[in-house]
Amino acid sequence: MFDKLAGIEQRYRELEQEMARPEIAGDYDRLQALAREHSSLQEIVQILNEYRRVEKSLSDARTIAAEAGDPEMTELAREEIATNESRVEELEAKLRRALIPKGKFDD
């Protein structure tokens, strides 16, 4: 799944660069087609970015829980871990749903 997501993210960035080219601004049809494709990938990229942010937060909380000498900090880190683990699962499910190909009538 993550290999496919990396490809989608790369295509999203390519589309941004392509739409920024001055010669594309004069070609309305081409610009519109690029913008449509860019828009269709935007939700997936946003979910992926949030997933990465939550994964980083989860990793940081695990480190704090393992290294904290203060019981209060350890408890706070464990609460953060529980919250982030459930959020990671939600985001993974959202990513799987977002990767399902859309039908021609979905838009």
PDB file of N, CA and C in Angstrom:
ATOM      1  N   MET A   1       0.826  -1.190   0.000  1.00  0.00           N
ATOM      2  CA  MET A   1       0.000   0.000   0.000  1.00  0.00           C
ATOM      3  C   MET A   1       0.872   1.256   0.000  1.00  0.00           C
ATOM      4  N   PHE A   2       1.936   1.239   0.806  1.00  0.00           N
ATOM      5  CA  PHE A   2       2.746   2.445   0.934  1.00  0.00           C
ATOM      6  C   PHE A   2       3.577   2.725  -0.315  1.00  0.00           C
ATOM      7  N   ASP A   3       3.897   1.683  -1.094  1.00  0.00           N
ATOM      8  CA  ASP A   3       4.575   1.919  -2.370  1.00  0.00           C
ATOM      9  C   ASP A   3       3.653   2.681  -3.317  1.00  0.00           C
ATOM     10  N   LYS A   4       2.402   2.258  -3.349  1.00  0.00           N
ATOM     11  CA  LYS A   4       1.415   2.936  -4.193  1.00  0.00           C
ATOM     12  C   LYS A   4       1.218   4.375  -3.726  1.00  0.00           C
ATOM     13  N   LEU A   5       1.171   4.586  -2.417  1.00  0.00           N
ATOM     14  CA  LEU A   5       1.010   5.931  -1.867  1.00  0.00           C
ATOM     15  C   LEU A   5       2.193   6.824  -2.221  1.00  0.00           C
ATOM     16  N   ALA A   6       3.387   6.266  -2.222  1.00  0.00           N
ATOM     17  CA  ALA A   6       4.570   7.045  -2.593  1.00  0.00           C
ATOM     18  C   ALA A   6       4.462   7.492  -4.048  1.00  0.00           C
ATOM     19  N   GLY A   7       3.976   6.613  -4.907  1.00  0.00           N
ATOM     20  CA  GLY A   7       3.782   6.965  -6.308  1.00  0.00           C
ATOM     21  C   GLY A   7       2.730   8.047  -6.487  1.00  0.00           C
ATOM     22  N   ILE A   8       1.671   7.963  -5.715  1.00  0.00           N
ATOM     23  CA  ILE A   8       0.607   8.965  -5.780  1.00  0.00           C
ATOM     24  C   ILE A   8       1.135  10.315  -5.311  1.00  0.00           C
ATOM     25  N   GLU A   9       1.892  10.289  -4.228  1.00  0.00           N
ATOM     26  CA  GLU A   9       2.452  11.542  -3.710  1.00  0.00           C
ATOM     27  C   GLU A   9       3.420  12.167  -4.718  1.00  0.00           C
ATOM     28  N   GLN A  10       4.221  11.329  -5.363  1.00  0.00           N
ATOM     29  CA  GLN A  10       5.147  11.830  -6.377  1.00  0.00           C
ATOM     30  C   GLN A  10       4.376  12.447  -7.547  1.00  0.00           C
ATOM     31  N   ARG A  11       3.331  11.796  -7.989  1.00  0.00           N
ATOM     32  CA  ARG A  11       2.516  12.325  -9.092  1.00  0.00           C
ATOM     33  C   ARG A  11       1.868  13.649  -8.697  1.00  0.00           C
ATOM     34  N   TYR A  12       1.413  13.751  -7.460  1.00  0.00           N
ATOM     35  CA  TYR A  12       0.805  14.977  -6.939  1.00  0.00           C
ATOM     36  C   TYR A  12       1.809  16.129  -7.035  1.00  0.00           C
ATOM     37  N   ARG A  13       3.047  15.876  -6.622  1.00  0.00           N
ATOM     38  CA  ARG A  13       4.101  16.913  -6.685  1.00  0.00           C
ATOM     39  C   ARG A  13       4.431  17.274  -8.139  1.00  0.00           C
ATOM     40  N   GLU A  14       4.472  16.270  -9.000  1.00  0.00           N
ATOM     41  CA  GLU A  14       4.727  16.522 -10.428  1.00  0.00           C
ATOM     42  C   GLU A  14       3.637  17.413 -11.023  1.00  0.00           C
ATOM     43  N   LEU A  15       2.397  17.133 -10.651  1.00  0.00           N
ATOM     44  CA  LEU A  15       1.280  17.945 -11.154  1.00  0.00           C
ATOM     45  C   LEU A  15       1.398  19.388 -10.679  1.00  0.00           C
ATOM     46  N   GLU A  16       1.798  19.586  -9.427  1.00  0.00           N
ATOM     47  CA  GLU A  16       1.992  20.944  -8.916  1.00  0.00           C
ATOM     48  C   GLU A  16       3.042  21.684  -9.733  1.00  0.00           C
ATOM     49  N   GLN A  17       4.141  21.002 -10.022  1.00  0.00           N
ATOM     50  CA  GLN A  17       5.209  21.620 -10.810  1.00  0.00           C
ATOM     51  C   GLN A  17       4.745  21.912 -12.239  1.00  0.00           C
ATOM     52  N   GLU A  18       4.030  20.974 -12.804  1.00  0.00           N
ATOM     53  CA  GLU A  18       3.531  21.144 -14.172  1.00  0.00           C
ATOM     54  C   GLU A  18       2.566  22.325 -14.268  1.00  0.00           C
ATOM     55  N   MET A  19       1.659  22.436 -13.299  1.00  0.00           N
ATOM     56  CA  MET A  19       0.686  23.530 -13.329  1.00  0.00           C
ATOM     57  C   MET A  19       1.348  24.889 -13.114  1.00  0.00           C
ATOM     58  N   ALA A  20       2.517  24.903 -12.498  1.00  0.00           N
ATOM     59  CA  ALA A  20       3.219  26.158 -12.239  1.00  0.00           C
ATOM     60  C   ALA A  20       4.007  26.648 -13.452  1.00  0.00           C
ATOM     61  N   ARG A  21       4.152  25.806 -14.458  1.00  0.00           N
ATOM     62  CA  ARG A  21       4.904  26.211 -15.650  1.00  0.00           C
ATOM     63  C   ARG A  21       4.131  27.287 -16.414  1.00  0.00           C
ATOM     64  N   PRO A  22       4.815  28.356 -16.822  1.00  0.00           N
ATOM     65  CA  PRO A  22       4.141  29.470 -17.512  1.00  0.00           C
ATOM     66  C   PRO A  22       3.442  29.066 -18.810  1.00  0.00           C
ATOM     67  N   GLU A  23       4.009  28.138 -19.549  1.00  0.00           N
ATOM     68  CA  GLU A  23       3.391  27.753 -20.825  1.00  0.00           C
ATOM     69  C   GLU A  23       2.077  26.994 -20.622  1.00  0.00           C
ATOM     70  N   ILE A  24       1.884  26.404 -19.475  1.00  0.00           N
ATOM     71  CA  ILE A  24       0.636  25.697 -19.181  1.00  0.00           C
ATOM     72  C   ILE A  24      -0.489  26.696 -18.905  1.00  0.00           C
ATOM     73  N   ALA A  25      -0.154  27.835 -18.342  1.00  0.00           N
ATOM     74  CA  ALA A  25      -1.175  28.843 -18.013  1.00  0.00           C
ATOM     75  C   ALA A  25      -1.953  29.275 -19.259  1.00  0.00           C
ATOM     76  N   GLY A  26      -1.313  29.241 -20.406  1.00  0.00           N
ATOM     77  CA  GLY A  26      -1.978  29.629 -21.645  1.00  0.00           C
ATOM     78  C   GLY A  26      -2.822  28.530 -22.269  1.00  0.00           C
ATOM     79  N   ASP A  27      -2.640  27.315 -21.829  1.00  0.00           N
ATOM     80  CA  ASP A  27      -3.381  26.173 -22.366  1.00  0.00           C
ATOM     81  C   ASP A  27      -4.463  25.779 -21.358  1.00  0.00           C
ATOM     82  N   TYR A  28      -5.617  26.418 -21.468  1.00  0.00           N
ATOM     83  CA  TYR A  28      -6.694  26.245 -20.492  1.00  0.00           C
ATOM     84  C   TYR A  28      -7.125  24.786 -20.368  1.00  0.00           C
ATOM     85  N   ASP A  29      -7.280  24.091 -21.478  1.00  0.00           N
ATOM     86  CA  ASP A  29      -7.741  22.694 -21.425  1.00  0.00           C
ATOM     87  C   ASP A  29      -6.739  21.807 -20.682  1.00  0.00           C
ATOM     88  N   ARG A  30      -5.467  22.001 -20.985  1.00  0.00           N
ATOM     89  CA  ARG A  30      -4.415  21.213 -20.322  1.00  0.00           C
ATOM     90  C   ARG A  30      -4.369  21.548 -18.822  1.00  0.00           C
ATOM     91  N   LEU A  31      -4.449  22.829 -18.501  1.00  0.00           N
ATOM     92  CA  LEU A  31      -4.432  23.265 -17.113  1.00  0.00           C
ATOM     93  C   LEU A  31      -5.621  22.688 -16.351  1.00  0.00           C
ATOM     94  N   GLN A  32      -6.768  22.694 -16.965  1.00  0.00           N
ATOM     95  CA  GLN A  32      -7.968  22.158 -16.330  1.00  0.00           C
ATOM     96  C   GLN A  32      -7.827  20.651 -16.077  1.00  0.00           C
ATOM     97  N   ALA A  33      -7.272  19.930 -17.035  1.00  0.00           N
ATOM     98  CA  ALA A  33      -7.077  18.487 -16.871  1.00  0.00           C
ATOM     99  C   ALA A  33      -6.083  18.205 -15.744  1.00  0.00           C
ATOM    100  N   LEU A  34      -5.005  18.976 -15.690  1.00  0.00           N
ATOM    101  CA  LEU A  34      -4.020  18.805 -14.629  1.00  0.00           C
ATOM    102  C   LEU A  34      -4.627  19.130 -13.264  1.00  0.00           C
ATOM    103  N   ALA A  35      -5.405  20.191 -13.201  1.00  0.00           N
ATOM    104  CA  ALA A  35      -6.040  20.596 -11.945  1.00  0.00           C
ATOM    105  C   ALA A  35      -7.023  19.533 -11.458  1.00  0.00           C
ATOM    106  N   ARG A  36      -7.750  18.918 -12.379  1.00  0.00           N
ATOM    107  CA  ARG A  36      -8.687  17.853 -11.997  1.00  0.00           C
ATOM    108  C   ARG A  36      -7.944  16.660 -11.398  1.00  0.00           C
ATOM    109  N   GLU A  37      -6.852  16.265 -12.067  1.00  0.00           N
ATOM    110  CA  GLU A  37      -6.073  15.135 -11.556  1.00  0.00           C
ATOM    111  C   GLU A  37      -5.445  15.484 -10.203  1.00  0.00           C
ATOM    112  N   HIS A  38      -4.922  16.691 -10.095  1.00  0.00           N
ATOM    113  CA  HIS A  38      -4.315  17.157  -8.840  1.00  0.00           C
ATOM    114  C   HIS A  38      -5.349  17.114  -7.715  1.00  0.00           C
ATOM    115  N   SER A  39      -6.533  17.588  -7.997  1.00  0.00           N
ATOM    116  CA  SER A  39      -7.608  17.610  -7.008  1.00  0.00           C
ATOM    117  C   SER A  39      -8.001  16.198  -6.586  1.00  0.00           C
ATOM    118  N   SER A  40      -7.991  15.270  -7.523  1.00  0.00           N
ATOM    119  CA  SER A  40      -8.376  13.891  -7.203  1.00  0.00           C
ATOM    120  C   SER A  40      -7.357  13.214  -6.283  1.00  0.00           C
ATOM    121  N   LEU A  41      -6.119  13.666  -6.307  1.00  0.00           N
ATOM    122  CA  LEU A  41      -5.070  13.084  -5.465  1.00  0.00           C
ATOM    123  C   LEU A  41      -4.900  13.806  -4.134  1.00  0.00           C
ATOM    124  N   GLN A  42      -5.453  14.996  -4.039  1.00  0.00           N
ATOM    125  CA  GLN A  42      -5.230  15.850  -2.876  1.00  0.00           C
ATOM    126  C   GLN A  42      -5.675  15.198  -1.564  1.00  0.00           C
ATOM    127  N   GLU A  43      -6.835  14.585  -1.548  1.00  0.00           N
ATOM    128  CA  GLU A  43      -7.334  13.961  -0.312  1.00  0.00           C
ATOM    129  C   GLU A  43      -6.389  12.863   0.164  1.00  0.00           C
ATOM    130  N   ILE A  44      -5.919  12.040  -0.760  1.00  0.00           N
ATOM    131  CA  ILE A  44      -5.014  10.952  -0.402  1.00  0.00           C
ATOM    132  C   ILE A  44      -3.728  11.505   0.196  1.00  0.00           C
ATOM    133  N   VAL A  45      -3.177  12.528  -0.425  1.00  0.00           N
ATOM    134  CA  VAL A  45      -1.925  13.130   0.056  1.00  0.00           C
ATOM    135  C   VAL A  45      -2.138  13.764   1.433  1.00  0.00           C
ATOM    136  N   GLN A  46      -3.270  14.397   1.643  1.00  0.00           N
ATOM    137  CA  GLN A  46      -3.550  14.998   2.957  1.00  0.00           C
ATOM    138  C   GLN A  46      -3.662  13.930   4.041  1.00  0.00           C
ATOM    139  N   ILE A  47      -4.343  12.840   3.743  1.00  0.00           N
ATOM    140  CA  ILE A  47      -4.464  11.743   4.713  1.00  0.00           C
ATOM    141  C   ILE A  47      -3.080  11.150   4.997  1.00  0.00           C
ATOM    142  N   LEU A  48      -2.287  10.976   3.950  1.00  0.00           N
ATOM    143  CA  LEU A  48      -0.941  10.427   4.111  1.00  0.00           C
ATOM    144  C   LEU A  48      -0.080  11.337   4.981  1.00  0.00           C
ATOM    145  N   ASN A  49      -0.168  12.637   4.772  1.00  0.00           N
ATOM    146  CA  ASN A  49       0.601  13.576   5.592  1.00  0.00           C
ATOM    147  C   ASN A  49       0.179  13.511   7.059  1.00  0.00           C
ATOM    148  N   GLU A  50      -1.123  13.411   7.296  1.00  0.00           N
ATOM    149  CA  GLU A  50      -1.603  13.293   8.675  1.00  0.00           C
ATOM    150  C   GLU A  50      -1.147  11.968   9.281  1.00  0.00           C
ATOM    151  N   TYR A  51      -1.195  10.905   8.497  1.00  0.00           N
ATOM    152  CA  TYR A  51      -0.738   9.599   8.962  1.00  0.00           C
ATOM    153  C   TYR A  51       0.720   9.681   9.401  1.00  0.00           C
ATOM    154  N   ARG A  52       1.554  10.307   8.602  1.00  0.00           N
ATOM    155  CA  ARG A  52       2.970  10.449   8.943  1.00  0.00           C
ATOM    156  C   ARG A  52       3.153  11.272  10.222  1.00  0.00           C
ATOM    157  N   ARG A  53       2.366  12.327  10.365  1.00  0.00           N
ATOM    158  CA  ARG A  53       2.467  13.173  11.556  1.00  0.00           C
ATOM    159  C   ARG A  53       2.096  12.377  12.806  1.00  0.00           C
ATOM    160  N   VAL A  54       1.020  11.609  12.728  1.00  0.00           N
ATOM    161  CA  VAL A  54       0.567  10.816  13.873  1.00  0.00           C
ATOM    162  C   VAL A  54       1.577   9.703  14.178  1.00  0.00           C
ATOM    163  N   GLU A  55       2.131   9.074  13.149  1.00  0.00           N
ATOM    164  CA  GLU A  55       3.158   8.049  13.344  1.00  0.00           C
ATOM    165  C   GLU A  55       4.372   8.624  14.068  1.00  0.00           C
ATOM    166  N   LYS A  56       4.771   9.823  13.689  1.00  0.00           N
ATOM    167  CA  LYS A  56       5.915  10.494  14.343  1.00  0.00           C
ATOM    168  C   LYS A  56       5.585  10.774  15.801  1.00  0.00           C
ATOM    169  N   SER A  57       4.397  11.278  16.056  1.00  0.00           N
ATOM    170  CA  SER A  57       3.965  11.552  17.421  1.00  0.00           C
ATOM    171  C   SER A  57       3.919  10.267  18.248  1.00  0.00           C
ATOM    172  N   LEU A  58       3.464   9.200  17.639  1.00  0.00           N
ATOM    173  CA  LEU A  58       3.411   7.901  18.307  1.00  0.00           C
ATOM    174  C   LEU A  58       4.815   7.423  18.649  1.00  0.00           C
ATOM    175  N   SER A  59       5.722   7.545  17.727  1.00  0.00           N
ATOM    176  CA  SER A  59       7.108   7.153  17.962  1.00  0.00           C
ATOM    177  C   SER A  59       7.733   7.968  19.093  1.00  0.00           C
ATOM    178  N   ASP A  60       7.485   9.273  19.076  1.00  0.00           N
ATOM    179  CA  ASP A  60       8.005  10.144  20.134  1.00  0.00           C
ATOM    180  C   ASP A  60       7.433   9.755  21.494  1.00  0.00           C
ATOM    181  N   ALA A  61       6.140   9.471  21.537  1.00  0.00           N
ATOM    182  CA  ALA A  61       5.498   9.084  22.798  1.00  0.00           C
ATOM    183  C   ALA A  61       6.061   7.760  23.312  1.00  0.00           C
ATOM    184  N   ARG A  62       6.326   6.839  22.421  1.00  0.00           N
ATOM    185  CA  ARG A  62       6.913   5.554  22.832  1.00  0.00           C
ATOM    186  C   ARG A  62       8.308   5.761  23.420  1.00  0.00           C
ATOM    187  N   THR A  63       9.069   6.648  22.799  1.00  0.00           N
ATOM    188  CA  THR A  63      10.408   6.954  23.308  1.00  0.00           C
ATOM    189  C   THR A  63      10.320   7.573  24.697  1.00  0.00           C
ATOM    190  N   ILE A  64       9.416   8.515  24.863  1.00  0.00           N
ATOM    191  CA  ILE A  64       9.244   9.163  26.168  1.00  0.00           C
ATOM    192  C   ILE A  64       8.813   8.139  27.221  1.00  0.00           C
ATOM    193  N   ALA A  65       7.883   7.264  26.860  1.00  0.00           N
ATOM    194  CA  ALA A  65       7.404   6.256  27.808  1.00  0.00           C
ATOM    195  C   ALA A  65       8.529   5.315  28.233  1.00  0.00           C
ATOM    196  N   ALA A  66       9.403   5.004  27.300  1.00  0.00           N
ATOM    197  CA  ALA A  66      10.494   4.078  27.600  1.00  0.00           C
ATOM    198  C   ALA A  66      11.606   4.729  28.415  1.00  0.00           C
ATOM    199  N   GLU A  67      11.817   6.027  28.193  1.00  0.00           N
ATOM    200  CA  GLU A  67      12.957   6.695  28.811  1.00  0.00           C
ATOM    201  C   GLU A  67      12.604   7.580  29.999  1.00  0.00           C
ATOM    202  N   ALA A  68      11.355   7.896  30.170  1.00  0.00           N
ATOM    203  CA  ALA A  68      10.967   8.835  31.235  1.00  0.00           C
ATOM    204  C   ALA A  68      11.166   8.198  32.604  1.00  0.00           C
ATOM    205  N   GLY A  69      11.772   8.960  33.476  1.00  0.00           N
ATOM    206  CA  GLY A  69      11.945   8.486  34.843  1.00  0.00           C
ATOM    207  C   GLY A  69      10.789   8.926  35.728  1.00  0.00           C
ATOM    208  N   ASP A  70      10.050   9.884  35.241  1.00  0.00           N
ATOM    209  CA  ASP A  70       8.928  10.446  35.992  1.00  0.00           C
ATOM    210  C   ASP A  70       7.661   9.640  35.699  1.00  0.00           C
ATOM    211  N   PRO A  71       7.024   9.085  36.710  1.00  0.00           N
ATOM    212  CA  PRO A  71       5.804   8.284  36.491  1.00  0.00           C
ATOM    213  C   PRO A  71       4.684   9.080  35.818  1.00  0.00           C
ATOM    214  N   GLU A  72       4.582  10.354  36.131  1.00  0.00           N
ATOM    215  CA  GLU A  72       3.539  11.186  35.526  1.00  0.00           C
ATOM    216  C   GLU A  72       3.778  11.352  34.022  1.00  0.00           C
ATOM    217  N   MET A  73       5.034  11.576  33.640  1.00  0.00           N
ATOM    218  CA  MET A  73       5.367  11.701  32.205  1.00  0.00           C
ATOM    219  C   MET A  73       5.118  10.374  31.478  1.00  0.00           C
ATOM    220  N   THR A  74       5.462   9.290  32.147  1.00  0.00           N
ATOM    221  CA  THR A  74       5.249   7.969  31.550  1.00  0.00           C
ATOM    222  C   THR A  74       3.763   7.725  31.307  1.00  0.00           C
ATOM    223  N   GLU A  75       2.934   8.091  32.277  1.00  0.00           N
ATOM    224  CA  GLU A  75       1.481   7.915  32.139  1.00  0.00           C
ATOM    225  C   GLU A  75       0.931   8.777  31.008  1.00  0.00           C
ATOM    226  N   LEU A  76       1.396  10.020  30.926  1.00  0.00           N
ATOM    227  CA  LEU A  76       0.953  10.901  29.831  1.00  0.00           C
ATOM    228  C   LEU A  76       1.363  10.330  28.477  1.00  0.00           C
ATOM    229  N   ALA A  77       2.578   9.804  28.407  1.00  0.00           N
ATOM    230  CA  ALA A  77       3.059   9.210  27.155  1.00  0.00           C
ATOM    231  C   ALA A  77       2.216   7.990  26.789  1.00  0.00           C
ATOM    232  N   ARG A  78       1.846   7.192  27.765  1.00  0.00           N
ATOM    233  CA  ARG A  78       1.021   6.006  27.494  1.00  0.00           C
ATOM    234  C   ARG A  78      -0.368   6.393  26.988  1.00  0.00           C
ATOM    235  N   GLU A  79      -0.910   7.461  27.543  1.00  0.00           N
ATOM    236  CA  GLU A  79      -2.204   7.955  27.057  1.00  0.00           C
ATOM    237  C   GLU A  79      -2.084   8.422  25.603  1.00  0.00           C
ATOM    238  N   GLU A  80      -0.993   9.120  25.321  1.00  0.00           N
ATOM    239  CA  GLU A  80      -0.746   9.587  23.948  1.00  0.00           C
ATOM    240  C   GLU A  80      -0.579   8.401  23.000  1.00  0.00           C
ATOM    241  N   ILE A  81       0.098   7.371  23.463  1.00  0.00           N
ATOM    242  CA  ILE A  81       0.288   6.168  22.648  1.00  0.00           C
ATOM    243  C   ILE A  81      -1.063   5.547  22.301  1.00  0.00           C
ATOM    244  N   ALA A  82      -1.919   5.399  23.296  1.00  0.00           N
ATOM    245  CA  ALA A  82      -3.241   4.796  23.060  1.00  0.00           C
ATOM    246  C   ALA A  82      -4.044   5.627  22.056  1.00  0.00           C
ATOM    247  N   THR A  83      -4.028   6.933  22.227  1.00  0.00           N
ATOM    248  CA  THR A  83      -4.759   7.818  21.322  1.00  0.00           C
ATOM    249  C   THR A  83      -4.210   7.712  19.899  1.00  0.00           C
ATOM    250  N   ASN A  84      -2.884   7.762  19.794  1.00  0.00           N
ATOM    251  CA  ASN A  84      -2.269   7.743  18.469  1.00  0.00           C
ATOM    252  C   ASN A  84      -2.392   6.390  17.782  1.00  0.00           C
ATOM    253  N   GLU A  85      -2.361   5.311  18.551  1.00  0.00           N
ATOM    254  CA  GLU A  85      -2.530   3.994  17.932  1.00  0.00           C
ATOM    255  C   GLU A  85      -3.910   3.866  17.299  1.00  0.00           C
ATOM    256  N   SER A  86      -4.931   4.333  17.982  1.00  0.00           N
ATOM    257  CA  SER A  86      -6.272   4.250  17.389  1.00  0.00           C
ATOM    258  C   SER A  86      -6.381   5.194  16.187  1.00  0.00           C
ATOM    259  N   ARG A  87      -5.739   6.348  16.263  1.00  0.00           N
ATOM    260  CA  ARG A  87      -5.770   7.300  15.135  1.00  0.00           C
ATOM    261  C   ARG A  87      -5.036   6.722  13.925  1.00  0.00           C
ATOM    262  N   VAL A  88      -3.929   6.037  14.145  1.00  0.00           N
ATOM    263  CA  VAL A  88      -3.194   5.400  13.050  1.00  0.00           C
ATOM    264  C   VAL A  88      -4.089   4.380  12.351  1.00  0.00           C
ATOM    265  N   GLU A  89      -4.805   3.590  13.126  1.00  0.00           N
ATOM    266  CA  GLU A  89      -5.717   2.599  12.541  1.00  0.00           C
ATOM    267  C   GLU A  89      -6.804   3.277  11.707  1.00  0.00           C
ATOM    268  N   GLU A  90      -7.359   4.367  12.215  1.00  0.00           N
ATOM    269  CA  GLU A  90      -8.379   5.113  11.469  1.00  0.00           C
ATOM    270  C   GLU A  90      -7.813   5.642  10.153  1.00  0.00           C
ATOM    271  N   LEU A  91      -6.618   6.207  10.223  1.00  0.00           N
ATOM    272  CA  LEU A  91      -6.015   6.783   9.021  1.00  0.00           C
ATOM    273  C   LEU A  91      -5.648   5.708   8.009  1.00  0.00           C
ATOM    274  N   GLU A  92      -5.188   4.556   8.476  1.00  0.00           N
ATOM    275  CA  GLU A  92      -4.903   3.452   7.556  1.00  0.00           C
ATOM    276  C   GLU A  92      -6.172   3.023   6.824  1.00  0.00           C
ATOM    277  N   ALA A  93      -7.280   2.943   7.552  1.00  0.00           N
ATOM    278  CA  ALA A  93      -8.561   2.578   6.937  1.00  0.00           C
ATOM    279  C   ALA A  93      -8.983   3.643   5.923  1.00  0.00           C
ATOM    280  N   LYS A  94      -8.806   4.914   6.275  1.00  0.00           N
ATOM    281  CA  LYS A  94      -9.145   5.993   5.338  1.00  0.00           C
ATOM    282  C   LYS A  94      -8.285   5.919   4.084  1.00  0.00           C
ATOM    283  N   LEU A  95      -7.005   5.603   4.254  1.00  0.00           N
ATOM    284  CA  LEU A  95      -6.114   5.480   3.094  1.00  0.00           C
ATOM    285  C   LEU A  95      -6.551   4.325   2.195  1.00  0.00           C
ATOM    286  N   ARG A  96      -6.897   3.193   2.798  1.00  0.00           N
ATOM    287  CA  ARG A  96      -7.360   2.050   1.998  1.00  0.00           C
ATOM    288  C   ARG A  96      -8.614   2.414   1.195  1.00  0.00           C
ATOM    289  N   ARG A  97      -9.554   3.116   1.864  1.00  0.00           N
ATOM    290  CA  ARG A  97     -10.778   3.525   1.161  1.00  0.00           C
ATOM    291  C   ARG A  97     -10.456   4.529   0.055  1.00  0.00           C
ATOM    292  N   ALA A  98      -9.537   5.429   0.328  1.00  0.00           N
ATOM    293  CA  ALA A  98      -9.196   6.456  -0.661  1.00  0.00           C
ATOM    294  C   ALA A  98      -8.499   5.847  -1.879  1.00  0.00           C
ATOM    295  N   LEU A  99      -7.868   4.702  -1.702  1.00  0.00           N
ATOM    296  CA  LEU A  99      -7.166   4.054  -2.819  1.00  0.00           C
ATOM    297  C   LEU A  99      -8.086   3.234  -3.711  1.00  0.00           C
ATOM    298  N   ILE A 100      -9.317   3.020  -3.275  1.00  0.00           N
ATOM    299  CA  ILE A 100     -10.270   2.281  -4.111  1.00  0.00           C
ATOM    300  C   ILE A 100     -10.562   3.121  -5.338  1.00  0.00           C
ATOM    301  N   PRO A 101     -10.369   2.556  -6.533  1.00  0.00           N
ATOM    302  CA  PRO A 101     -10.619   3.326  -7.755  1.00  0.00           C
ATOM    303  C   PRO A 101     -12.055   3.839  -7.801  1.00  0.00           C
ATOM    304  N   LYS A 102     -12.182   5.052  -8.237  1.00  0.00           N
ATOM    305  CA  LYS A 102     -13.503   5.688  -8.352  1.00  0.00           C
ATOM    306  C   LYS A 102     -14.150   5.271  -9.671  1.00  0.00           C
ATOM    307  N   GLY A 103     -15.448   5.136  -9.607  1.00  0.00           N
ATOM    308  CA  GLY A 103     -16.199   4.837 -10.828  1.00  0.00           C
ATOM    309  C   GLY A 103     -16.452   6.124 -11.615  1.00  0.00           C
ATOM    310  N   LYS A 104     -16.927   5.984 -12.830  1.00  0.00           N
ATOM    311  CA  LYS A 104     -17.113   7.177 -13.668  1.00  0.00           C
ATOM    312  C   LYS A 104     -18.222   8.085 -13.160  1.00  0.00           C
ATOM    313  N   PHE A 105     -19.114   7.577 -12.316  1.00  0.00           N
ATOM    314  CA  PHE A 105     -20.208   8.388 -11.803  1.00  0.00           C
ATOM    315  C   PHE A 105     -19.948   8.906 -10.380  1.00  0.00           C
ATOM    316  N   ASP A 106     -18.775   8.611  -9.813  1.00  0.00           N
ATOM    317  CA  ASP A 106     -18.479   9.031  -8.434  1.00  0.00           C
ATOM    318  C   ASP A 106     -18.353  10.539  -8.282  1.00  0.00           C
ATOM    319  N   ASP A 107     -17.899  11.228  -9.290  1.00  0.00           N
ATOM    320  CA  ASP A 107     -17.737  12.682  -9.177  1.00  0.00           C
ATOM    321  C   ASP A 107     -19.084  13.342  -9.290  1.00  0.00           C
TER     322      ASP A 107
END
